Amino acid sequence: MTARRAVCRGIVLVLLGVAGALPVEALAQTLGESFRKVTPSVVVIRARGKELTRNGEKTFTETGSGVLISTDGKVMTAAHVVHTMDEIDVEFLGGDTVSARVIASEPAADLSLLQLERVPAAARPARMLDSDTVQVGDAVMIVGAPYGLSYSLSTGIISARWAPNTMYRAMPLAEFFQTTATINTGNSGGPMFTTAGDVIGIVSHNISKSGGSEGLGFVVTLNTARQLLLEKRSFWSGLDGQFLPDRIADLLNLPPNATGYLVKGVARNSPGDALGLRAGTRLVVIDGQEWALGGDIVLEVHGLTVKAANTAKLREVMAAMRPGDTYRVKVLRAGRILELTGTAP
């Protein structure tokens, strides 16, 4: 036997030894089997809300995805799918549809947590994995509803990992996986799984020059979602709006040295709605940027000035509230400063 043949034979024996050491289940498992195992935990989300346009207020529908994570009906999804929506329906495999409401939300990481009205008998919570164990190059699969096509599967690998506050100024709290798995409109909020069927992230968005799926896909890591939705339970306000820079605050005749949060939209039955906050009624363009006028400007929350620099403090104060705790909100409405009182849900 030549030296080359001996080396080749040795490599084959090593490979056979490794294969023989693997569990039979691992060898037999296919992507199809993994897909069928996880689909009872995957949901399609259809939400209805209102948006302010230059032609007035209009209703619209958002389609996304999500994943059931508990037997009592908690579903993780993306904040941009549900955060300011008036009605939310969650559809399970087989078509069983259940109403849901937001109970925690953190737009700064594009994450929301829903509570289902009931849990269908055939639904099964997904298994959650410590996402810190995932490495670049690991194979993954995404199940969701791209363009409303329910329970579509795409596969790929983890191509990069991005620490919080390194990718997007609008989402500084999110740690992201970058992936080659296809992400389209409707995949947002859906789960990313390992090929063994464990959830490791929540789909956020993709970057594409054409608007198609050939761009870069980004998924919020599961450990980020656990921390912000389950451990800290980020407060859901139900508000959509903008922080006012000083130059805009002066144009709107705010009190000297005052700033605030311009309310553009308020979700029905949200804490903001219960507080009595008023949404904007007209869009105007100032220096090339749209601003919603005619609604409230939130000046203070629980004694804290509402400005971008205080975002972390405001987040901590509201997240620490227990159900039934009261809080005070100072707003500027039609030239008058009012103090409103709310109760934490």
Protein backbone atom coordinates (compact mmCIF):
# COMPACT_ATOMS: atom_id res chain seq x y z
CA MET A 1 0.00 0.00 0.00
CA THR A 2 1.40 3.39 -0.98
CA ALA A 3 1.75 6.18 1.58
CA ARG A 4 -0.93 8.22 -0.22
CA ARG A 5 -3.44 5.31 -0.14
CA ALA A 6 -2.68 4.74 3.52
CA VAL A 7 -3.40 8.39 4.35
CA CYS A 8 -6.69 8.32 2.38
CA ARG A 9 -7.73 5.11 4.14
CA GLY A 10 -6.94 6.71 7.48
CA ILE A 11 -9.12 9.74 6.66
CA VAL A 12 -12.02 7.49 5.67
CA LEU A 13 -11.75 5.51 8.91
CA VAL A 14 -11.73 8.73 10.94
CA LEU A 15 -14.85 10.01 9.14
CA LEU A 16 -16.62 6.70 9.65
CA GLY A 17 -15.70 6.80 13.32
CA VAL A 18 -17.16 10.31 13.71
CA ALA A 19 -20.33 9.30 11.90
CA GLY A 20 -20.68 6.21 14.03
CA ALA A 21 -20.42 8.32 17.16
CA LEU A 22 -23.35 10.57 16.14
CA PRO A 23 -26.84 9.73 17.47
CA VAL A 24 -29.13 7.96 15.02
CA GLU A 25 -31.65 10.80 15.39
CA ALA A 26 -29.07 13.38 14.26
CA LEU A 27 -28.19 11.34 11.20
CA ALA A 28 -31.83 10.77 10.28
CA GLN A 29 -32.99 14.34 10.86
CA THR A 30 -33.64 16.40 7.74
CA LEU A 31 -34.62 19.99 7.24
CA GLY A 32 -38.11 18.78 6.40
CA GLU A 33 -38.40 16.98 9.72
CA SER A 34 -37.10 20.04 11.59
CA PHE A 35 -39.58 22.25 9.73
CA ARG A 36 -42.51 20.02 10.67
CA LYS A 37 -41.37 19.96 14.28
CA VAL A 38 -41.27 23.75 14.68
CA THR A 39 -44.33 24.86 12.71
CA PRO A 40 -46.80 24.36 15.63
CA SER A 41 -44.95 27.22 17.40
CA VAL A 42 -44.83 29.60 14.42
CA VAL A 43 -47.64 32.13 13.87
CA VAL A 44 -48.75 34.57 11.20
CA ILE A 45 -49.69 38.00 12.56
CA ARG A 46 -52.20 40.28 10.90
CA ALA A 47 -52.56 43.66 12.57
CA ARG A 48 -54.72 46.65 11.75
CA GLY A 49 -53.99 50.23 12.66
CA LYS A 50 -54.15 53.90 11.64
CA GLU A 51 -51.49 56.11 10.13
CA LEU A 52 -51.35 59.83 9.51
CA THR A 53 -50.63 60.77 5.91
CA ARG A 54 -50.58 64.07 4.05
CA ASN A 55 -54.13 63.24 2.92
CA GLY A 56 -55.38 62.61 6.44
CA GLU A 57 -55.69 59.54 8.64
CA LYS A 58 -55.92 56.16 6.93
CA THR A 59 -56.28 52.59 8.13
CA PHE A 60 -53.76 49.96 7.08
CA THR A 61 -52.88 46.32 7.66
CA GLU A 62 -49.50 44.87 8.59
CA THR A 63 -48.60 41.22 8.05
CA GLY A 64 -45.77 39.63 9.99
CA SER A 65 -44.74 36.52 11.83
CA GLY A 66 -44.05 35.44 15.40
CA VAL A 67 -43.27 32.52 17.66
CA LEU A 68 -45.13 31.04 20.66
CA ILE A 69 -42.73 30.77 23.61
CA SER A 70 -44.93 29.68 26.53
CA THR A 71 -47.90 27.47 27.35
CA ASP A 72 -49.81 30.48 28.71
CA GLY A 73 -49.83 32.18 25.31
CA LYS A 74 -46.91 34.58 25.02
CA VAL A 75 -45.68 35.31 21.50
CA MET A 76 -42.50 37.13 20.49
CA THR A 77 -42.52 39.27 17.36
CA ALA A 78 -41.07 42.47 15.89
CA ALA A 79 -42.16 45.82 17.32
CA HIS A 80 -42.69 47.40 13.91
CA VAL A 81 -45.39 44.80 13.19
CA VAL A 82 -47.59 45.44 16.26
CA HIS A 83 -46.37 48.35 18.43
CA THR A 84 -48.99 50.95 17.42
CA MET A 85 -51.72 48.66 16.08
CA ASP A 86 -55.38 48.78 17.15
CA GLU A 87 -56.23 45.12 16.49
CA ILE A 88 -53.99 42.05 16.35
CA ASP A 89 -54.92 38.57 15.13
CA VAL A 90 -52.55 35.61 15.43
CA GLU A 91 -53.02 32.63 13.11
CA PHE A 92 -51.64 29.18 13.88
CA LEU A 93 -50.91 26.24 11.61
CA GLY A 94 -54.24 24.93 10.36
CA GLY A 95 -55.88 28.36 10.38
CA ASP A 96 -56.96 28.67 14.03
CA THR A 97 -56.95 32.45 14.66
CA VAL A 98 -56.73 34.10 18.08
CA SER A 99 -56.90 37.73 19.22
CA ALA A 100 -53.84 39.13 20.97
CA ARG A 101 -52.64 42.26 22.73
CA VAL A 102 -49.22 43.79 23.32
CA ILE A 103 -47.91 43.45 26.89
CA ALA A 104 -44.29 44.55 26.41
CA SER A 105 -42.50 46.38 23.63
CA GLU A 106 -39.10 47.87 22.89
CA PRO A 107 -38.87 49.66 19.53
CA ALA A 108 -35.19 50.41 20.24
CA ALA A 109 -34.57 46.69 19.66
CA ASP A 110 -37.56 46.06 17.32
CA LEU A 111 -39.13 43.60 19.78
CA SER A 112 -42.65 43.11 21.16
CA LEU A 113 -44.35 40.52 23.33
CA LEU A 114 -47.98 39.53 22.76
CA GLN A 115 -50.45 37.82 25.07
CA LEU A 116 -52.92 35.53 23.33
CA GLU A 117 -56.58 35.44 24.30
CA ARG A 118 -56.31 31.64 24.27
CA VAL A 119 -53.86 28.96 23.14
CA PRO A 120 -55.07 26.53 20.43
CA ALA A 121 -54.90 22.87 21.40
CA ALA A 122 -52.50 21.99 18.58
CA ALA A 123 -50.04 24.83 19.35
CA ARG A 124 -46.68 24.00 20.87
CA PRO A 125 -44.21 26.50 22.43
CA ALA A 126 -40.82 26.61 20.77
CA ARG A 127 -37.66 25.53 22.54
CA MET A 128 -35.40 28.51 23.26
CA LEU A 129 -31.61 28.27 23.08
CA ASP A 130 -28.92 30.45 24.62
CA SER A 131 -28.04 32.54 21.57
CA ASP A 132 -24.53 33.17 22.91
CA THR A 133 -23.71 29.57 21.92
CA VAL A 134 -24.39 30.31 18.23
CA GLN A 135 -21.35 30.92 16.04
CA VAL A 136 -20.70 32.46 12.64
CA GLY A 137 -21.02 29.70 10.05
CA ASP A 138 -23.77 27.79 11.89
CA ALA A 139 -26.66 26.63 9.69
CA VAL A 140 -30.06 28.20 10.42
CA MET A 141 -33.61 28.24 9.14
CA ILE A 142 -36.32 30.91 9.16
CA VAL A 143 -40.04 30.12 9.09
CA GLY A 144 -42.54 32.91 8.44
CA ALA A 145 -44.99 34.51 6.06
CA PRO A 146 -43.05 36.36 3.33
CA TYR A 147 -45.53 38.46 1.33
CA GLY A 148 -48.29 36.77 3.34
CA LEU A 149 -47.36 33.26 2.14
CA SER A 150 -47.78 31.40 5.41
CA TYR A 151 -45.24 28.89 6.75
CA SER A 152 -42.53 29.42 4.16
CA LEU A 153 -39.08 28.03 4.94
CA SER A 154 -35.74 29.61 4.07
CA THR A 155 -32.28 28.40 5.06
CA GLY A 156 -28.80 29.84 5.32
CA ILE A 157 -25.99 30.46 7.77
CA ILE A 158 -25.02 33.00 10.40
CA SER A 159 -22.73 35.29 8.44
CA ALA A 160 -21.89 37.84 11.16
CA ARG A 161 -22.77 39.00 14.65
CA TRP A 162 -23.20 42.65 15.61
CA ALA A 163 -23.05 44.00 19.16
CA PRO A 164 -25.71 46.47 20.39
CA ASN A 165 -25.40 50.04 19.10
CA THR A 166 -23.08 49.12 16.23
CA MET A 167 -25.56 48.79 13.33
CA TYR A 168 -28.56 51.15 13.62
CA ARG A 169 -29.03 54.35 15.57
CA ALA A 170 -32.78 53.68 15.66
CA MET A 171 -32.25 50.26 17.30
CA PRO A 172 -29.32 50.71 19.70
CA LEU A 173 -30.40 47.98 22.15
CA ALA A 174 -30.43 45.11 19.68
CA GLU A 175 -27.68 42.58 19.24
CA PHE A 176 -28.04 41.25 15.69
CA PHE A 177 -27.27 38.10 13.78
CA GLN A 178 -26.59 38.77 10.12
CA THR A 179 -27.77 35.87 7.96
CA THR A 180 -27.84 34.61 4.40
CA ALA A 181 -31.31 33.08 4.94
CA THR A 182 -33.88 34.85 2.76
CA ILE A 183 -35.92 37.55 4.52
CA ASN A 184 -38.85 39.31 2.82
CA THR A 185 -41.78 41.51 3.86
CA GLY A 186 -43.93 39.34 6.14
CA ASN A 187 -40.97 37.50 7.69
CA SER A 188 -40.58 40.29 10.26
CA GLY A 189 -41.08 39.02 13.80
CA GLY A 190 -40.70 35.40 12.82
CA PRO A 191 -38.31 32.98 14.50
CA MET A 192 -34.85 31.94 13.39
CA PHE A 193 -34.15 28.33 14.36
CA THR A 194 -31.11 26.12 14.53
CA THR A 195 -31.44 23.09 12.26
CA ALA A 196 -32.28 21.15 15.44
CA GLY A 197 -35.39 23.33 15.88
CA ASP A 198 -34.34 25.67 18.71
CA VAL A 199 -35.18 29.39 18.52
CA ILE A 200 -32.11 31.64 18.50
CA GLY A 201 -33.52 34.95 17.24
CA ILE A 202 -36.41 37.11 16.07
CA VAL A 203 -36.35 38.38 12.47
CA SER A 204 -36.12 42.17 12.17
CA HIS A 205 -35.43 43.33 8.61
CA ASN A 206 -33.15 43.20 5.60
CA ILE A 207 -31.08 45.77 3.75
CA SER A 208 -31.52 45.76 -0.01
CA LYS A 209 -30.81 48.27 -2.76
CA SER A 210 -33.75 47.03 -4.82
CA GLY A 211 -36.17 46.33 -1.95
CA GLY A 212 -36.02 42.60 -2.66
CA SER A 213 -34.61 39.74 -0.62
CA GLU A 214 -31.13 39.67 -2.13
CA GLY A 215 -29.79 42.01 0.54
CA LEU A 216 -28.46 41.44 4.04
CA GLY A 217 -30.81 39.90 6.61
CA PHE A 218 -30.76 40.92 10.28
CA VAL A 219 -32.20 38.98 13.22
CA VAL A 220 -32.33 40.15 16.86
CA THR A 221 -30.65 37.56 19.08
CA LEU A 222 -32.85 35.59 21.44
CA ASN A 223 -30.85 36.67 24.48
CA THR A 224 -31.67 40.30 23.64
CA ALA A 225 -35.36 39.36 23.39
CA ARG A 226 -35.29 37.47 26.68
CA GLN A 227 -33.67 40.37 28.49
CA LEU A 228 -35.96 43.10 27.17
CA LEU A 229 -39.27 41.22 26.98
CA LEU A 230 -39.14 38.60 29.74
CA GLU A 231 -36.65 39.78 32.34
CA LYS A 232 -37.16 43.56 32.26
CA ARG A 233 -40.59 43.59 30.54
CA SER A 234 -40.13 46.80 28.57
CA PHE A 235 -43.10 49.13 29.07
CA TRP A 236 -45.50 49.33 26.13
CA SER A 237 -46.84 52.85 25.60
CA GLY A 238 -48.65 52.31 22.29
CA LEU A 239 -47.25 55.64 21.05
CA ASP A 240 -45.68 56.58 17.76
CA GLY A 241 -43.91 59.90 17.47
CA GLN A 242 -40.68 61.89 17.46
CA PHE A 243 -38.40 63.62 19.92
CA LEU A 244 -38.25 67.35 19.24
CA PRO A 245 -34.86 68.92 18.56
CA ASP A 246 -34.38 72.41 19.99
CA ARG A 247 -34.95 74.20 16.69
CA ILE A 248 -38.35 72.52 16.16
CA ALA A 249 -39.33 73.06 19.81
CA ASP A 250 -38.70 76.79 19.36
CA LEU A 251 -40.79 76.88 16.17
CA LEU A 252 -43.67 75.22 18.06
CA ASN A 253 -43.47 77.81 20.85
CA LEU A 254 -42.60 75.43 23.66
CA PRO A 255 -41.70 77.06 26.99
CA PRO A 256 -38.08 78.32 27.25
CA ASN A 257 -35.53 75.47 27.38
CA ALA A 258 -38.32 72.91 27.06
CA THR A 259 -38.42 69.98 24.68
CA GLY A 260 -40.58 66.88 24.37
CA TYR A 261 -42.03 64.01 22.37
CA LEU A 262 -44.41 64.86 19.54
CA VAL A 263 -47.24 62.29 19.50
CA LYS A 264 -48.03 61.10 15.99
CA GLY A 265 -50.19 58.04 16.74
CA VAL A 266 -51.81 56.27 19.69
CA ALA A 267 -52.81 52.59 19.58
CA ARG A 268 -56.33 51.80 20.69
CA ASN A 269 -56.57 50.35 24.24
CA SER A 270 -52.92 51.10 24.90
CA PRO A 271 -51.60 52.85 28.05
CA GLY A 272 -51.24 56.01 25.97
CA ASP A 273 -54.89 55.73 24.93
CA ALA A 274 -56.00 55.12 28.53
CA LEU A 275 -54.02 58.17 29.57
CA GLY A 276 -56.02 60.25 27.08
CA LEU A 277 -53.11 61.29 24.87
CA ARG A 278 -54.08 62.84 21.54
CA ALA A 279 -52.46 61.92 18.24
CA GLY A 280 -51.39 64.35 15.54
CA THR A 281 -53.95 65.44 12.97
CA ARG A 282 -51.81 66.92 10.19
CA LEU A 283 -48.43 66.23 8.62
CA VAL A 284 -46.25 69.19 7.74
CA VAL A 285 -42.77 69.38 6.26
CA ILE A 286 -40.14 71.48 8.03
CA ASP A 287 -36.64 71.61 6.54
CA GLY A 288 -37.41 68.54 4.46
CA GLN A 289 -38.64 66.39 7.38
CA GLU A 290 -42.23 65.43 8.19
CA TRP A 291 -43.72 66.32 11.58
CA ALA A 292 -47.18 65.45 12.92
CA LEU A 293 -48.89 68.50 14.37
CA GLY A 294 -52.21 68.94 16.16
CA GLY A 295 -51.60 66.33 18.85
CA ASP A 296 -50.02 66.34 22.30
CA ILE A 297 -46.38 67.04 23.05
CA VAL A 298 -45.26 64.98 26.05
CA LEU A 299 -42.99 67.16 28.23
CA GLU A 300 -42.43 65.06 31.36
CA VAL A 301 -43.06 61.52 32.58
CA HIS A 302 -42.92 60.91 36.31
CA GLY A 303 -40.88 64.09 36.76
CA LEU A 304 -38.33 63.25 34.06
CA THR A 305 -37.92 65.58 31.09
CA VAL A 306 -38.82 63.76 27.87
CA LYS A 307 -35.85 64.10 25.54
CA ALA A 308 -33.66 61.74 23.58
CA ALA A 309 -30.83 61.99 26.12
CA ASN A 310 -33.15 60.71 28.88
CA THR A 311 -34.41 57.70 26.93
CA ALA A 312 -32.57 55.15 29.07
CA LYS A 313 -33.79 56.70 32.34
CA LEU A 314 -37.37 56.90 31.08
CA ARG A 315 -37.17 53.26 29.97
CA GLU A 316 -35.94 52.15 33.41
CA VAL A 317 -38.58 54.10 35.33
CA MET A 318 -41.49 52.76 33.28
CA ALA A 319 -40.16 49.18 33.15
CA ALA A 320 -39.90 49.14 36.96
CA MET A 321 -43.60 49.90 37.38
CA ARG A 322 -45.82 47.18 38.73
CA PRO A 323 -49.43 46.67 37.61
CA GLY A 324 -51.61 49.27 39.29
CA ASP A 325 -48.81 51.77 39.96
CA THR A 326 -49.73 55.33 39.03
CA TYR A 327 -47.58 57.71 37.04
CA ARG A 328 -47.85 61.35 35.98
CA VAL A 329 -47.42 62.74 32.50
CA LYS A 330 -47.15 66.44 31.67
CA VAL A 331 -48.23 67.43 28.15
CA LEU A 332 -48.56 70.55 26.04
CA ARG A 333 -51.97 70.58 24.36
CA ALA A 334 -53.24 73.48 22.26
CA GLY A 335 -51.00 75.94 24.07
CA ARG A 336 -51.87 74.72 27.59
CA ILE A 337 -49.79 72.53 29.90
CA LEU A 338 -51.82 69.69 31.41
CA GLU A 339 -50.92 66.94 33.89
CA LEU A 340 -52.41 63.52 33.20
CA THR A 341 -52.40 60.49 35.51
CA GLY A 342 -52.03 56.95 34.28
CA THR A 343 -52.05 53.46 35.77
CA ALA A 344 -49.49 50.84 34.79
CA PRO A 345 -51.18 47.80 33.15
